[in-house]
Each structure stands twice: as structure tokens, then as C-alpha cells.
Amino acid sequence: ATKEQRSAEEAGLLRIVAGAFGITLQG
């Protein structure tokens, strides 16, 4: 349960960062 929350938090963080990278890479 503890690791599940932590893994979800990190996956969400990295996904948002990837979205930011994607905006500029497509440009």
C-alpha cells in the first residue's frame, strides 16, 4: 500500500514532465 502510493506519485510526476517535454519537442 505504501509503495503503491509512492509509485503512483512518481509515475504521475514523470508523466507530467514528459508532457512538458512533448510540447517543445513537437515544436
mmCIF file of all heavy atoms, coordinates in Angstrom:
data_MODEL
# 
_entry.id   MODEL 
# 
loop_
_atom_site.group_PDB 
_atom_site.id 
_atom_site.type_symbol 
_atom_site.label_atom_id 
_atom_site.label_alt_id 
_atom_site.label_comp_id 
_atom_site.label_asym_id 
_atom_site.label_entity_id 
_atom_site.label_seq_id 
_atom_site.pdbx_PDB_ins_code 
_atom_site.Cartn_x 
_atom_site.Cartn_y 
_atom_site.Cartn_z 
_atom_site.occupancy 
_atom_site.B_iso_or_equiv 
_atom_site.pdbx_formal_charge 
_atom_site.auth_seq_id 
_atom_site.auth_comp_id 
_atom_site.auth_asym_id 
_atom_site.auth_atom_id 
_atom_site.pdbx_PDB_model_num 
ATOM 1   N N   . ALA A 1 1  ? 0.823  -1.210 0.000   1.00 0.00 ? 1  ALA A N   1 
ATOM 2   C CA  . ALA A 1 1  ? 0.000  0.000  0.000   1.00 0.00 ? 1  ALA A CA  1 
ATOM 3   C C   . ALA A 1 1  ? 0.858  1.262  0.000   1.00 0.00 ? 1  ALA A C   1 
ATOM 4   O O   . ALA A 1 1  ? 0.594  2.219  -0.745  1.00 0.00 ? 1  ALA A O   1 
ATOM 5   C CB  . ALA A 1 1  ? -0.929 -0.001 1.214   1.00 0.00 ? 1  ALA A CB  1 
ATOM 6   N N   . THR A 1 2  ? 1.919  1.270  0.831   1.00 0.00 ? 2  THR A N   1 
ATOM 7   C CA  . THR A 1 2  ? 2.794  2.445  0.893   1.00 0.00 ? 2  THR A CA  1 
ATOM 8   C C   . THR A 1 2  ? 3.547  2.644  -0.415  1.00 0.00 ? 2  THR A C   1 
ATOM 9   O O   . THR A 1 2  ? 3.602  3.747  -0.967  1.00 0.00 ? 2  THR A O   1 
ATOM 10  C CB  . THR A 1 2  ? 3.801  2.293  2.049   1.00 0.00 ? 2  THR A CB  1 
ATOM 11  O OG1 . THR A 1 2  ? 3.088  2.081  3.271   1.00 0.00 ? 2  THR A OG1 1 
ATOM 12  C CG2 . THR A 1 2  ? 4.649  3.545  2.170   1.00 0.00 ? 2  THR A CG2 1 
ATOM 13  N N   . LYS A 1 3  ? 4.111  1.551  -0.921  1.00 0.00 ? 3  LYS A N   1 
ATOM 14  C CA  . LYS A 1 3  ? 4.848  1.624  -2.179  1.00 0.00 ? 3  LYS A CA  1 
ATOM 15  C C   . LYS A 1 3  ? 3.925  1.960  -3.351  1.00 0.00 ? 3  LYS A C   1 
ATOM 16  O O   . LYS A 1 3  ? 4.331  2.597  -4.320  1.00 0.00 ? 3  LYS A O   1 
ATOM 17  C CB  . LYS A 1 3  ? 5.543  0.287  -2.446  1.00 0.00 ? 3  LYS A CB  1 
ATOM 18  C CG  . LYS A 1 3  ? 6.802  0.071  -1.637  1.00 0.00 ? 3  LYS A CG  1 
ATOM 19  C CD  . LYS A 1 3  ? 7.994  0.806  -2.257  1.00 0.00 ? 3  LYS A CD  1 
ATOM 20  C CE  . LYS A 1 3  ? 9.283  0.417  -1.585  1.00 0.00 ? 3  LYS A CE  1 
ATOM 21  N NZ  . LYS A 1 3  ? 10.450 1.104  -2.182  1.00 0.00 ? 3  LYS A NZ  1 
ATOM 22  N N   . GLU A 1 4  ? 2.677  1.509  -3.270  1.00 0.00 ? 4  GLU A N   1 
ATOM 23  C CA  . GLU A 1 4  ? 1.721  1.769  -4.342  1.00 0.00 ? 4  GLU A CA  1 
ATOM 24  C C   . GLU A 1 4  ? 1.478  3.260  -4.489  1.00 0.00 ? 4  GLU A C   1 
ATOM 25  O O   . GLU A 1 4  ? 1.465  3.807  -5.595  1.00 0.00 ? 4  GLU A O   1 
ATOM 26  C CB  . GLU A 1 4  ? 0.413  1.036  -4.036  1.00 0.00 ? 4  GLU A CB  1 
ATOM 27  C CG  . GLU A 1 4  ? -0.495 0.850  -5.232  1.00 0.00 ? 4  GLU A CG  1 
ATOM 28  C CD  . GLU A 1 4  ? -1.656 -0.070 -4.910  1.00 0.00 ? 4  GLU A CD  1 
ATOM 29  O OE1 . GLU A 1 4  ? -2.443 0.292  -3.999  1.00 0.00 ? 4  GLU A OE1 1 
ATOM 30  O OE2 . GLU A 1 4  ? -1.802 -1.129 -5.542  1.00 0.00 ? 4  GLU A OE2 1 
ATOM 31  N N   . GLN A 1 5  ? 1.280  3.943  -3.355  1.00 0.00 ? 5  GLN A N   1 
ATOM 32  C CA  . GLN A 1 5  ? 1.080  5.394  -3.402  1.00 0.00 ? 5  GLN A CA  1 
ATOM 33  C C   . GLN A 1 5  ? 2.326  6.107  -3.906  1.00 0.00 ? 5  GLN A C   1 
ATOM 34  O O   . GLN A 1 5  ? 2.251  7.039  -4.703  1.00 0.00 ? 5  GLN A O   1 
ATOM 35  C CB  . GLN A 1 5  ? 0.705  5.917  -2.005  1.00 0.00 ? 5  GLN A CB  1 
ATOM 36  C CG  . GLN A 1 5  ? -0.672 5.513  -1.538  1.00 0.00 ? 5  GLN A CG  1 
ATOM 37  C CD  . GLN A 1 5  ? -1.768 6.198  -2.334  1.00 0.00 ? 5  GLN A CD  1 
ATOM 38  O OE1 . GLN A 1 5  ? -1.786 7.402  -2.485  1.00 0.00 ? 5  GLN A OE1 1 
ATOM 39  N NE2 . GLN A 1 5  ? -2.684 5.408  -2.868  1.00 0.00 ? 5  GLN A NE2 1 
ATOM 40  N N   . ARG A 1 6  ? 3.478  5.653  -3.448  1.00 0.00 ? 6  ARG A N   1 
ATOM 41  C CA  . ARG A 1 6  ? 4.730  6.288  -3.859  1.00 0.00 ? 6  ARG A CA  1 
ATOM 42  C C   . ARG A 1 6  ? 4.987  6.077  -5.349  1.00 0.00 ? 6  ARG A C   1 
ATOM 43  O O   . ARG A 1 6  ? 5.408  6.988  -6.066  1.00 0.00 ? 6  ARG A O   1 
ATOM 44  C CB  . ARG A 1 6  ? 5.888  5.719  -3.032  1.00 0.00 ? 6  ARG A CB  1 
ATOM 45  C CG  . ARG A 1 6  ? 7.233  6.399  -3.288  1.00 0.00 ? 6  ARG A CG  1 
ATOM 46  C CD  . ARG A 1 6  ? 7.164  7.869  -2.871  1.00 0.00 ? 6  ARG A CD  1 
ATOM 47  N NE  . ARG A 1 6  ? 8.351  8.592  -3.242  1.00 0.00 ? 6  ARG A NE  1 
ATOM 48  C CZ  . ARG A 1 6  ? 9.422  8.736  -2.455  1.00 0.00 ? 6  ARG A CZ  1 
ATOM 49  N NH1 . ARG A 1 6  ? 9.429  8.181  -1.253  1.00 0.00 ? 6  ARG A NH1 1 
ATOM 50  N NH2 . ARG A 1 6  ? 10.449 9.438  -2.858  1.00 0.00 ? 6  ARG A NH2 1 
ATOM 51  N N   . SER A 1 7  ? 4.743  4.866  -5.829  1.00 0.00 ? 7  SER A N   1 
ATOM 52  C CA  . SER A 1 7  ? 4.962  4.588  -7.246  1.00 0.00 ? 7  SER A CA  1 
ATOM 53  C C   . SER A 1 7  ? 4.005  5.397  -8.115  1.00 0.00 ? 7  SER A C   1 
ATOM 54  O O   . SER A 1 7  ? 4.392  5.894  -9.185  1.00 0.00 ? 7  SER A O   1 
ATOM 55  C CB  . SER A 1 7  ? 4.796  3.093  -7.519  1.00 0.00 ? 7  SER A CB  1 
ATOM 56  O OG  . SER A 1 7  ? 3.470  2.662  -7.263  1.00 0.00 ? 7  SER A OG  1 
ATOM 57  N N   . ALA A 1 8  ? 2.764  5.557  -7.668  1.00 0.00 ? 8  ALA A N   1 
ATOM 58  C CA  . ALA A 1 8  ? 1.798  6.349  -8.428  1.00 0.00 ? 8  ALA A CA  1 
ATOM 59  C C   . ALA A 1 8  ? 2.209  7.813  -8.473  1.00 0.00 ? 8  ALA A C   1 
ATOM 60  O O   . ALA A 1 8  ? 2.096  8.483  -9.510  1.00 0.00 ? 8  ALA A O   1 
ATOM 61  C CB  . ALA A 1 8  ? 0.410  6.213  -7.802  1.00 0.00 ? 8  ALA A CB  1 
ATOM 62  N N   . GLU A 1 9  ? 2.712  8.310  -7.347  1.00 0.00 ? 9  GLU A N   1 
ATOM 63  C CA  . GLU A 1 9  ? 3.166  9.704  -7.287  1.00 0.00 ? 9  GLU A CA  1 
ATOM 64  C C   . GLU A 1 9  ? 4.318  9.940  -8.254  1.00 0.00 ? 9  GLU A C   1 
ATOM 65  O O   . GLU A 1 9  ? 4.331  10.930 -9.008  1.00 0.00 ? 9  GLU A O   1 
ATOM 66  C CB  . GLU A 1 9  ? 3.594  10.031 -5.854  1.00 0.00 ? 9  GLU A CB  1 
ATOM 67  C CG  . GLU A 1 9  ? 4.144  11.435 -5.670  1.00 0.00 ? 9  GLU A CG  1 
ATOM 68  C CD  . GLU A 1 9  ? 4.735  11.625 -4.287  1.00 0.00 ? 9  GLU A CD  1 
ATOM 69  O OE1 . GLU A 1 9  ? 3.953  11.618 -3.316  1.00 0.00 ? 9  GLU A OE1 1 
ATOM 70  O OE2 . GLU A 1 9  ? 5.972  11.744 -4.177  1.00 0.00 ? 9  GLU A OE2 1 
ATOM 71  N N   . GLU A 1 10 ? 5.286  9.033  -8.252  1.00 0.00 ? 10 GLU A N   1 
ATOM 72  C CA  . GLU A 1 10 ? 6.446  9.206  -9.135  1.00 0.00 ? 10 GLU A CA  1 
ATOM 73  C C   . GLU A 1 10 ? 6.063  9.042  -10.600 1.00 0.00 ? 10 GLU A C   1 
ATOM 74  O O   . GLU A 1 10 ? 6.549  9.778  -11.463 1.00 0.00 ? 10 GLU A O   1 
ATOM 75  C CB  . GLU A 1 10 ? 7.543  8.208  -8.751  1.00 0.00 ? 10 GLU A CB  1 
ATOM 76  C CG  . GLU A 1 10 ? 8.157  8.491  -7.414  1.00 0.00 ? 10 GLU A CG  1 
ATOM 77  C CD  . GLU A 1 10 ? 9.473  7.771  -7.197  1.00 0.00 ? 10 GLU A CD  1 
ATOM 78  O OE1 . GLU A 1 10 ? 9.993  7.178  -8.172  1.00 0.00 ? 10 GLU A OE1 1 
ATOM 79  O OE2 . GLU A 1 10 ? 9.985  7.810  -6.068  1.00 0.00 ? 10 GLU A OE2 1 
ATOM 80  N N   . ALA A 1 11 ? 5.185  8.084  -10.900 1.00 0.00 ? 11 ALA A N   1 
ATOM 81  C CA  . ALA A 1 11 ? 4.746  7.906  -12.276 1.00 0.00 ? 11 ALA A CA  1 
ATOM 82  C C   . ALA A 1 11 ? 3.990  9.134  -12.767 1.00 0.00 ? 11 ALA A C   1 
ATOM 83  O O   . ALA A 1 11 ? 4.165  9.568  -13.915 1.00 0.00 ? 11 ALA A O   1 
ATOM 84  C CB  . ALA A 1 11 ? 3.867  6.658  -12.390 1.00 0.00 ? 11 ALA A CB  1 
ATOM 85  N N   . GLY A 1 12 ? 3.155  9.707  -11.894 1.00 0.00 ? 12 GLY A N   1 
ATOM 86  C CA  . GLY A 1 12 ? 2.436  10.928 -12.257 1.00 0.00 ? 12 GLY A CA  1 
ATOM 87  C C   . GLY A 1 12 ? 3.374  12.093 -12.491 1.00 0.00 ? 12 GLY A C   1 
ATOM 88  O O   . GLY A 1 12 ? 3.207  12.877 -13.442 1.00 0.00 ? 12 GLY A O   1 
ATOM 89  N N   . LEU A 1 13 ? 4.386  12.228 -11.622 1.00 0.00 ? 13 LEU A N   1 
ATOM 90  C CA  . LEU A 1 13 ? 5.379  13.291 -11.784 1.00 0.00 ? 13 LEU A CA  1 
ATOM 91  C C   . LEU A 1 13 ? 6.089  13.175 -13.127 1.00 0.00 ? 13 LEU A C   1 
ATOM 92  O O   . LEU A 1 13 ? 6.206  14.159 -13.877 1.00 0.00 ? 13 LEU A O   1 
ATOM 93  C CB  . LEU A 1 13 ? 6.382  13.216 -10.627 1.00 0.00 ? 13 LEU A CB  1 
ATOM 94  C CG  . LEU A 1 13 ? 7.487  14.270 -10.538 1.00 0.00 ? 13 LEU A CG  1 
ATOM 95  C CD1 . LEU A 1 13 ? 7.950  14.411 -9.081  1.00 0.00 ? 13 LEU A CD1 1 
ATOM 96  C CD2 . LEU A 1 13 ? 8.704  13.933 -11.407 1.00 0.00 ? 13 LEU A CD2 1 
ATOM 97  N N   . LEU A 1 14 ? 6.561  11.976 -13.446 1.00 0.00 ? 14 LEU A N   1 
ATOM 98  C CA  . LEU A 1 14 ? 7.317  11.781 -14.687 1.00 0.00 ? 14 LEU A CA  1 
ATOM 99  C C   . LEU A 1 14 ? 6.427  11.951 -15.913 1.00 0.00 ? 14 LEU A C   1 
ATOM 100 O O   . LEU A 1 14 ? 6.875  12.433 -16.962 1.00 0.00 ? 14 LEU A O   1 
ATOM 101 C CB  . LEU A 1 14 ? 7.969  10.397 -14.687 1.00 0.00 ? 14 LEU A CB  1 
ATOM 102 C CG  . LEU A 1 14 ? 9.053  10.209 -13.625 1.00 0.00 ? 14 LEU A CG  1 
ATOM 103 C CD1 . LEU A 1 14 ? 9.501  8.754  -13.564 1.00 0.00 ? 14 LEU A CD1 1 
ATOM 104 C CD2 . LEU A 1 14 ? 10.252 11.108 -13.889 1.00 0.00 ? 14 LEU A CD2 1 
ATOM 105 N N   . ARG A 1 15 ? 5.155  11.589 -15.805 1.00 0.00 ? 15 ARG A N   1 
ATOM 106 C CA  . ARG A 1 15 ? 4.252  11.765 -16.932 1.00 0.00 ? 15 ARG A CA  1 
ATOM 107 C C   . ARG A 1 15 ? 3.992  13.241 -17.221 1.00 0.00 ? 15 ARG A C   1 
ATOM 108 O O   . ARG A 1 15 ? 3.966  13.675 -18.379 1.00 0.00 ? 15 ARG A O   1 
ATOM 109 C CB  . ARG A 1 15 ? 2.926  11.037 -16.665 1.00 0.00 ? 15 ARG A CB  1 
ATOM 110 C CG  . ARG A 1 15 ? 1.941  11.136 -17.814 1.00 0.00 ? 15 ARG A CG  1 
ATOM 111 C CD  . ARG A 1 15 ? 0.663  10.383 -17.501 1.00 0.00 ? 15 ARG A CD  1 
ATOM 112 N NE  . ARG A 1 15 ? 0.024  10.859 -16.280 1.00 0.00 ? 15 ARG A NE  1 
ATOM 113 C CZ  . ARG A 1 15 ? -0.709 11.963 -16.209 1.00 0.00 ? 15 ARG A CZ  1 
ATOM 114 N NH1 . ARG A 1 15 ? -0.867 12.724 -17.268 1.00 0.00 ? 15 ARG A NH1 1 
ATOM 115 N NH2 . ARG A 1 15 ? -1.269 12.307 -15.073 1.00 0.00 ? 15 ARG A NH2 1 
ATOM 116 N N   . ILE A 1 16 ? 3.808  14.030 -16.173 1.00 0.00 ? 16 ILE A N   1 
ATOM 117 C CA  . ILE A 1 16 ? 3.591  15.469 -16.363 1.00 0.00 ? 16 ILE A CA  1 
ATOM 118 C C   . ILE A 1 16 ? 4.832  16.108 -16.981 1.00 0.00 ? 16 ILE A C   1 
ATOM 119 O O   . ILE A 1 16 ? 4.738  16.953 -17.890 1.00 0.00 ? 16 ILE A O   1 
ATOM 120 C CB  . ILE A 1 16 ? 3.242  16.134 -15.019 1.00 0.00 ? 16 ILE A CB  1 
ATOM 121 C CG1 . ILE A 1 16 ? 1.903  15.604 -14.495 1.00 0.00 ? 16 ILE A CG1 1 
ATOM 122 C CG2 . ILE A 1 16 ? 3.173  17.648 -15.183 1.00 0.00 ? 16 ILE A CG2 1 
ATOM 123 C CD1 . ILE A 1 16 ? 1.595  16.032 -13.079 1.00 0.00 ? 16 ILE A CD1 1 
ATOM 124 N N   . VAL A 1 17 ? 6.009  15.716 -16.488 1.00 0.00 ? 17 VAL A N   1 
ATOM 125 C CA  . VAL A 1 17 ? 7.263  16.239 -17.051 1.00 0.00 ? 17 VAL A CA  1 
ATOM 126 C C   . VAL A 1 17 ? 7.373  15.872 -18.527 1.00 0.00 ? 17 VAL A C   1 
ATOM 127 O O   . VAL A 1 17 ? 7.750  16.695 -19.372 1.00 0.00 ? 17 VAL A O   1 
ATOM 128 C CB  . VAL A 1 17 ? 8.468  15.679 -16.264 1.00 0.00 ? 17 VAL A CB  1 
ATOM 129 C CG1 . VAL A 1 17 ? 9.771  15.967 -16.996 1.00 0.00 ? 17 VAL A CG1 1 
ATOM 130 C CG2 . VAL A 1 17 ? 8.501  16.276 -14.859 1.00 0.00 ? 17 VAL A CG2 1 
ATOM 131 N N   . ALA A 1 18 ? 7.020  14.624 -18.860 1.00 0.00 ? 18 ALA A N   1 
ATOM 132 C CA  . ALA A 1 18 ? 7.070  14.202 -20.263 1.00 0.00 ? 18 ALA A CA  1 
ATOM 133 C C   . ALA A 1 18 ? 6.123  15.028 -21.121 1.00 0.00 ? 18 ALA A C   1 
ATOM 134 O O   . ALA A 1 18 ? 6.438  15.365 -22.270 1.00 0.00 ? 18 ALA A O   1 
ATOM 135 C CB  . ALA A 1 18 ? 6.718  12.719 -20.367 1.00 0.00 ? 18 ALA A CB  1 
ATOM 136 N N   . GLY A 1 19 ? 4.956  15.381 -20.577 1.00 0.00 ? 19 GLY A N   1 
ATOM 137 C CA  . GLY A 1 19 ? 4.030  16.227 -21.315 1.00 0.00 ? 19 GLY A CA  1 
ATOM 138 C C   . GLY A 1 19 ? 4.629  17.585 -21.639 1.00 0.00 ? 19 GLY A C   1 
ATOM 139 O O   . GLY A 1 19 ? 4.445  18.121 -22.739 1.00 0.00 ? 19 GLY A O   1 
ATOM 140 N N   . ALA A 1 20 ? 5.366  18.155 -20.678 1.00 0.00 ? 20 ALA A N   1 
ATOM 141 C CA  . ALA A 1 20 ? 6.040  19.439 -20.918 1.00 0.00 ? 20 ALA A CA  1 
ATOM 142 C C   . ALA A 1 20 ? 7.096  19.293 -22.008 1.00 0.00 ? 20 ALA A C   1 
ATOM 143 O O   . ALA A 1 20 ? 7.203  20.135 -22.911 1.00 0.00 ? 20 ALA A O   1 
ATOM 144 C CB  . ALA A 1 20 ? 6.672  19.945 -19.617 1.00 0.00 ? 20 ALA A CB  1 
ATOM 145 N N   . PHE A 1 21 ? 7.876  18.213 -21.929 1.00 0.00 ? 21 PHE A N   1 
ATOM 146 C CA  . PHE A 1 21 ? 8.888  17.976 -22.964 1.00 0.00 ? 21 PHE A CA  1 
ATOM 147 C C   . PHE A 1 21 ? 8.228  17.810 -24.339 1.00 0.00 ? 21 PHE A C   1 
ATOM 148 O O   . PHE A 1 21 ? 8.743  18.273 -25.356 1.00 0.00 ? 21 PHE A O   1 
ATOM 149 C CB  . PHE A 1 21 ? 9.694  16.715 -22.645 1.00 0.00 ? 21 PHE A CB  1 
ATOM 150 C CG  . PHE A 1 21 ? 10.590 16.836 -21.442 1.00 0.00 ? 21 PHE A CG  1 
ATOM 151 C CD1 . PHE A 1 21 ? 11.211 15.717 -20.904 1.00 0.00 ? 21 PHE A CD1 1 
ATOM 152 C CD2 . PHE A 1 21 ? 10.825 18.065 -20.834 1.00 0.00 ? 21 PHE A CD2 1 
ATOM 153 C CE1 . PHE A 1 21 ? 12.044 15.806 -19.797 1.00 0.00 ? 21 PHE A CE1 1 
ATOM 154 C CE2 . PHE A 1 21 ? 11.654 18.170 -19.724 1.00 0.00 ? 21 PHE A CE2 1 
ATOM 155 C CZ  . PHE A 1 21 ? 12.262 17.036 -19.198 1.00 0.00 ? 21 PHE A CZ  1 
ATOM 156 N N   . GLY A 1 22 ? 7.082  17.133 -24.364 1.00 0.00 ? 22 GLY A N   1 
ATOM 157 C CA  . GLY A 1 22 ? 6.415  16.865 -25.628 1.00 0.00 ? 22 GLY A CA  1 
ATOM 158 C C   . GLY A 1 22 ? 5.973  18.120 -26.354 1.00 0.00 ? 22 GLY A C   1 
ATOM 159 O O   . GLY A 1 22 ? 6.030  18.188 -27.592 1.00 0.00 ? 22 GLY A O   1 
ATOM 160 N N   . ILE A 1 23 ? 5.519  19.133 -25.608 1.00 0.00 ? 23 ILE A N   1 
ATOM 161 C CA  . ILE A 1 23 ? 5.077  20.378 -26.239 1.00 0.00 ? 23 ILE A CA  1 
ATOM 162 C C   . ILE A 1 23 ? 6.214  21.011 -27.029 1.00 0.00 ? 23 ILE A C   1 
ATOM 163 O O   . ILE A 1 23 ? 6.030  21.453 -28.174 1.00 0.00 ? 23 ILE A O   1 
ATOM 164 C CB  . ILE A 1 23 ? 4.539  21.353 -25.169 1.00 0.00 ? 23 ILE A CB  1 
ATOM 165 C CG1 . ILE A 1 23 ? 3.251  20.786 -24.544 1.00 0.00 ? 23 ILE A CG1 1 
ATOM 166 C CG2 . ILE A 1 23 ? 4.272  22.733 -25.769 1.00 0.00 ? 23 ILE A CG2 1 
ATOM 167 C CD1 . ILE A 1 23 ? 2.740  21.602 -23.379 1.00 0.00 ? 23 ILE A CD1 1 
ATOM 168 N N   . THR A 1 24 ? 7.401  21.060 -26.445 1.00 0.00 ? 24 THR A N   1 
ATOM 169 C CA  . THR A 1 24 ? 8.525  21.685 -27.136 1.00 0.00 ? 24 THR A CA  1 
ATOM 170 C C   . THR A 1 24 ? 9.112  20.779 -28.215 1.00 0.00 ? 24 THR A C   1 
ATOM 171 O O   . THR A 1 24 ? 9.533  21.268 -29.263 1.00 0.00 ? 24 THR A O   1 
ATOM 172 C CB  . THR A 1 24 ? 9.624  22.068 -26.128 1.00 0.00 ? 24 THR A CB  1 
ATOM 173 O OG1 . THR A 1 24 ? 9.819  20.994 -25.198 1.00 0.00 ? 24 THR A OG1 1 
ATOM 174 C CG2 . THR A 1 24 ? 9.237  23.298 -25.347 1.00 0.00 ? 24 THR A CG2 1 
ATOM 175 N N   . LEU A 1 25 ? 9.125  19.473 -27.983 1.00 0.00 ? 25 LEU A N   1 
ATOM 176 C CA  . LEU A 1 25 ? 9.692  18.571 -28.992 1.00 0.00 ? 25 LEU A CA  1 
ATOM 177 C C   . LEU A 1 25 ? 8.869  18.577 -30.281 1.00 0.00 ? 25 LEU A C   1 
ATOM 178 O O   . LEU A 1 25 ? 9.428  18.542 -31.384 1.00 0.00 ? 25 LEU A O   1 
ATOM 179 C CB  . LEU A 1 25 ? 9.787  17.154 -28.432 1.00 0.00 ? 25 LEU A CB  1 
ATOM 180 C CG  . LEU A 1 25 ? 10.903 16.919 -27.408 1.00 0.00 ? 25 LEU A CG  1 
ATOM 181 C CD1 . LEU A 1 25 ? 10.791 15.532 -26.797 1.00 0.00 ? 25 LEU A CD1 1 
ATOM 182 C CD2 . LEU A 1 25 ? 12.278 17.107 -28.048 1.00 0.00 ? 25 LEU A CD2 1 
ATOM 183 N N   . GLN A 1 26 ? 7.561  18.625 -30.159 1.00 0.00 ? 26 GLN A N   1 
ATOM 184 C CA  . GLN A 1 26 ? 6.741  18.703 -31.372 1.00 0.00 ? 26 GLN A CA  1 
ATOM 185 C C   . GLN A 1 26 ? 6.961  20.035 -32.085 1.00 0.00 ? 26 GLN A C   1 
ATOM 186 O O   . GLN A 1 26 ? 6.929  20.103 -33.319 1.00 0.00 ? 26 GLN A O   1 
ATOM 187 C CB  . GLN A 1 26 ? 5.256  18.527 -31.032 1.00 0.00 ? 26 GLN A CB  1 
ATOM 188 C CG  . GLN A 1 26 ? 4.885  17.136 -30.539 1.00 0.00 ? 26 GLN A CG  1 
ATOM 189 C CD  . GLN A 1 26 ? 4.881  16.087 -31.640 1.00 0.00 ? 26 GLN A CD  1 
ATOM 190 O OE1 . GLN A 1 26 ? 5.373  16.311 -32.733 1.00 0.00 ? 26 GLN A OE1 1 
ATOM 191 N NE2 . GLN A 1 26 ? 4.319  14.919 -31.343 1.00 0.00 ? 26 GLN A NE2 1 
ATOM 192 N N   . GLY A 1 27 ? 7.203  21.101 -31.315 1.00 0.00 ? 27 GLY A N   1 
ATOM 193 C CA  . GLY A 1 27 ? 7.541  22.380 -31.931 1.00 0.00 ? 27 GLY A CA  1 
ATOM 194 C C   . GLY A 1 27 ? 8.866  22.329 -32.671 1.00 0.00 ? 27 GLY A C   1 
ATOM 195 O O   . GLY A 1 27 ? 9.020  22.929 -33.751 1.00 0.00 ? 27 GLY A O   1 
# 
